[in-house]
């Protein structure tokens, strides 16, 4: 008899980011390995801010400060 495969953890959680200037980005991937179980908000914010710094270096357009982070409804 065939067995069901266990669900595969894709290793990412998606978040929607709202910035102070009103800009919004959706479905930003954060690896589950980067999320600290004790300070999940802080570790998610730090990872997203790191991504924003890399994007700003490459594009020359800096992002404003993050206003809120919510988990995507995917």
N, C-alpha and C. Protein backbone atom coordinates (compact mmCIF):
# COMPACT_ATOMS: atom_id res chain seq x y z
N UNK A 1 0.84 -1.16 0.00
CA UNK A 1 0.00 0.00 0.00
C UNK A 1 0.90 1.25 0.00
N UNK A 2 0.53 2.22 -0.79
CA UNK A 2 1.32 3.45 -0.90
C UNK A 2 1.15 4.30 0.35
N UNK A 3 2.24 4.93 0.74
CA UNK A 3 2.20 5.82 1.90
C UNK A 3 2.17 7.26 1.43
N UNK A 4 1.50 8.08 2.22
CA UNK A 4 1.48 9.50 1.94
C UNK A 4 2.82 10.11 2.33
N UNK A 5 3.30 11.00 1.51
CA UNK A 5 4.52 11.70 1.86
C UNK A 5 4.19 12.76 2.90
N UNK A 6 5.08 12.97 3.86
CA UNK A 6 4.83 14.03 4.84
C UNK A 6 4.91 15.39 4.14
N UNK A 7 4.19 16.37 4.67
CA UNK A 7 4.24 17.71 4.05
C UNK A 7 5.67 18.25 4.08
N UNK A 8 6.05 18.88 3.01
CA UNK A 8 7.40 19.43 2.88
C UNK A 8 7.41 20.86 3.39
N UNK A 9 8.31 21.14 4.30
CA UNK A 9 8.47 22.50 4.80
C UNK A 9 9.33 23.25 3.79
N UNK A 10 8.73 24.27 3.16
CA UNK A 10 9.48 25.00 2.14
C UNK A 10 10.55 25.90 2.75
N UNK A 11 10.53 26.08 4.05
CA UNK A 11 11.59 26.82 4.71
C UNK A 11 11.42 28.32 4.71
N UNK A 12 10.28 28.83 4.22
CA UNK A 12 10.06 30.26 4.18
C UNK A 12 8.69 30.60 4.75
N UNK A 13 8.59 31.79 5.32
CA UNK A 13 7.32 32.35 5.73
C UNK A 13 7.21 33.69 5.01
N UNK A 14 6.03 34.00 4.49
CA UNK A 14 5.82 35.23 3.74
C UNK A 14 5.22 36.32 4.62
N UNK A 15 5.71 37.55 4.45
CA UNK A 15 5.24 38.69 5.24
C UNK A 15 4.93 39.86 4.34
N UNK A 16 3.95 40.68 4.76
CA UNK A 16 3.64 41.94 4.10
C UNK A 16 4.24 43.05 4.97
N UNK A 17 4.92 43.99 4.31
CA UNK A 17 5.61 45.06 5.02
C UNK A 17 4.97 46.40 4.66
N UNK A 18 4.67 47.20 5.67
CA UNK A 18 4.17 48.55 5.47
C UNK A 18 5.23 49.52 6.01
N UNK A 19 5.61 50.49 5.17
CA UNK A 19 6.65 51.45 5.54
C UNK A 19 6.01 52.75 6.04
N UNK A 20 6.81 53.58 6.73
CA UNK A 20 6.32 54.84 7.29
C UNK A 20 5.76 55.77 6.22
N UNK A 21 6.32 55.73 5.00
CA UNK A 21 5.87 56.63 3.93
C UNK A 21 4.63 56.12 3.21
N UNK A 22 4.06 54.99 3.65
CA UNK A 22 2.85 54.45 3.05
C UNK A 22 3.11 53.38 2.00
N UNK A 23 4.36 53.17 1.62
CA UNK A 23 4.70 52.13 0.65
C UNK A 23 4.45 50.76 1.27
N UNK A 24 4.10 49.80 0.42
CA UNK A 24 3.81 48.45 0.90
C UNK A 24 4.51 47.45 -0.01
N UNK A 25 5.10 46.42 0.58
CA UNK A 25 5.63 45.30 -0.19
C UNK A 25 4.95 44.04 0.34
N UNK A 26 4.63 43.16 -0.57
CA UNK A 26 3.91 41.93 -0.21
C UNK A 26 4.76 40.71 -0.46
N UNK A 27 4.47 39.67 0.30
CA UNK A 27 5.08 38.36 0.12
C UNK A 27 6.60 38.37 0.18
N UNK A 28 7.14 39.07 1.18
CA UNK A 28 8.58 39.05 1.39
C UNK A 28 8.93 37.75 2.09
N UNK A 29 9.86 37.00 1.53
CA UNK A 29 10.25 35.70 2.08
C UNK A 29 11.27 35.87 3.21
N UNK A 30 11.00 35.19 4.31
CA UNK A 30 11.93 35.13 5.43
C UNK A 30 12.15 33.66 5.74
N UNK A 31 13.40 33.19 5.67
CA UNK A 31 13.66 31.77 5.98
C UNK A 31 13.30 31.45 7.43
N UNK A 32 12.69 30.29 7.63
CA UNK A 32 12.30 29.91 8.99
C UNK A 32 13.52 29.76 9.90
N UNK A 33 14.68 29.44 9.32
CA UNK A 33 15.90 29.31 10.11
C UNK A 33 16.36 30.65 10.68
N UNK A 34 15.96 31.76 10.07
CA UNK A 34 16.35 33.09 10.52
C UNK A 34 15.45 33.63 11.63
N UNK A 35 14.32 32.98 11.88
CA UNK A 35 13.36 33.48 12.87
C UNK A 35 13.69 32.90 14.24
N UNK A 36 13.98 33.79 15.18
CA UNK A 36 14.30 33.40 16.55
C UNK A 36 13.00 33.12 17.30
N UNK A 37 12.91 32.01 17.98
CA UNK A 37 11.68 31.64 18.67
C UNK A 37 11.36 32.56 19.84
N UNK A 38 12.37 33.20 20.42
CA UNK A 38 12.13 34.08 21.57
C UNK A 38 11.81 35.51 21.16
N UNK A 39 12.41 35.97 20.07
CA UNK A 39 12.18 37.34 19.60
C UNK A 39 11.88 37.30 18.11
N UNK A 40 10.72 36.73 17.76
CA UNK A 40 10.41 36.54 16.35
C UNK A 40 10.23 37.87 15.63
N UNK A 41 9.56 38.84 16.23
CA UNK A 41 9.35 40.14 15.58
C UNK A 41 10.69 40.83 15.30
N UNK A 42 11.57 40.82 16.27
CA UNK A 42 12.87 41.46 16.11
C UNK A 42 13.73 40.79 15.06
N UNK A 43 13.73 39.46 15.02
CA UNK A 43 14.54 38.76 14.03
C UNK A 43 13.98 38.92 12.63
N UNK A 44 12.65 38.94 12.50
CA UNK A 44 12.02 39.16 11.19
C UNK A 44 12.34 40.56 10.71
N UNK A 45 12.20 41.54 11.58
CA UNK A 45 12.48 42.94 11.23
C UNK A 45 13.95 43.10 10.81
N UNK A 46 14.86 42.48 11.55
CA UNK A 46 16.29 42.59 11.22
C UNK A 46 16.58 41.97 9.85
N UNK A 47 15.96 40.83 9.54
CA UNK A 47 16.19 40.18 8.25
C UNK A 47 15.66 41.04 7.11
N UNK A 48 14.44 41.58 7.26
CA UNK A 48 13.83 42.42 6.23
C UNK A 48 14.65 43.70 6.03
N UNK A 49 15.10 44.32 7.13
CA UNK A 49 15.92 45.53 7.02
C UNK A 49 17.23 45.23 6.31
N UNK A 50 17.81 44.05 6.54
CA UNK A 50 19.02 43.65 5.83
C UNK A 50 18.77 43.51 4.33
N UNK A 51 17.63 42.90 3.97
CA UNK A 51 17.26 42.81 2.56
C UNK A 51 17.10 44.21 1.96
N UNK A 52 16.44 45.11 2.69
CA UNK A 52 16.22 46.47 2.21
C UNK A 52 17.55 47.20 1.99
N UNK A 53 18.53 46.99 2.88
CA UNK A 53 19.83 47.63 2.72
C UNK A 53 20.52 47.15 1.44
N UNK A 54 20.45 45.83 1.18
CA UNK A 54 21.06 45.29 -0.04
C UNK A 54 20.39 45.85 -1.29
N UNK A 55 19.06 45.93 -1.26
CA UNK A 55 18.31 46.47 -2.40
C UNK A 55 18.67 47.94 -2.60
N UNK A 56 18.79 48.71 -1.51
CA UNK A 56 19.13 50.13 -1.61
C UNK A 56 20.53 50.33 -2.17
N UNK A 57 21.47 49.46 -1.78
CA UNK A 57 22.84 49.56 -2.31
C UNK A 57 22.86 49.34 -3.82
N UNK A 58 22.08 48.37 -4.28
CA UNK A 58 22.08 48.05 -5.71
C UNK A 58 21.29 49.07 -6.52
N UNK A 59 20.19 49.57 -5.98
CA UNK A 59 19.34 50.47 -6.76
C UNK A 59 19.65 51.94 -6.53
N UNK A 60 20.20 52.27 -5.39
CA UNK A 60 20.46 53.66 -5.06
C UNK A 60 19.26 54.36 -4.45
N UNK A 61 18.15 53.66 -4.24
CA UNK A 61 16.94 54.23 -3.64
C UNK A 61 16.72 53.62 -2.26
N UNK A 62 17.03 54.37 -1.19
CA UNK A 62 16.86 53.81 0.15
C UNK A 62 15.38 53.69 0.53
N UNK A 63 15.06 52.71 1.35
CA UNK A 63 13.72 52.51 1.88
C UNK A 63 13.58 53.28 3.18
N UNK A 64 12.36 53.67 3.49
CA UNK A 64 12.09 54.33 4.76
C UNK A 64 12.00 53.31 5.87
N UNK A 65 11.77 53.77 7.09
CA UNK A 65 11.63 52.85 8.22
C UNK A 65 10.35 52.01 8.12
N UNK A 66 10.41 50.83 8.68
CA UNK A 66 9.27 49.91 8.66
C UNK A 66 8.26 50.34 9.72
N UNK A 67 7.00 50.42 9.32
CA UNK A 67 5.91 50.76 10.24
C UNK A 67 5.30 49.50 10.86
N UNK A 68 4.99 48.50 10.02
CA UNK A 68 4.41 47.26 10.55
C UNK A 68 4.75 46.08 9.67
N UNK A 69 4.76 44.92 10.29
CA UNK A 69 5.00 43.64 9.61
C UNK A 69 3.86 42.71 9.94
N UNK A 70 3.21 42.15 8.92
CA UNK A 70 2.13 41.20 9.13
C UNK A 70 2.38 39.97 8.27
N UNK A 71 1.94 38.83 8.75
CA UNK A 71 2.10 37.60 7.99
C UNK A 71 1.12 37.59 6.83
N UNK A 72 1.59 37.17 5.65
CA UNK A 72 0.76 37.13 4.45
C UNK A 72 -0.30 36.05 4.58
N UNK A 73 -1.46 36.28 3.95
CA UNK A 73 -2.55 35.32 3.96
C UNK A 73 -2.46 34.44 2.72
N UNK A 74 -1.44 33.61 2.64
CA UNK A 74 -1.29 32.75 1.47
C UNK A 74 -1.76 31.37 1.79
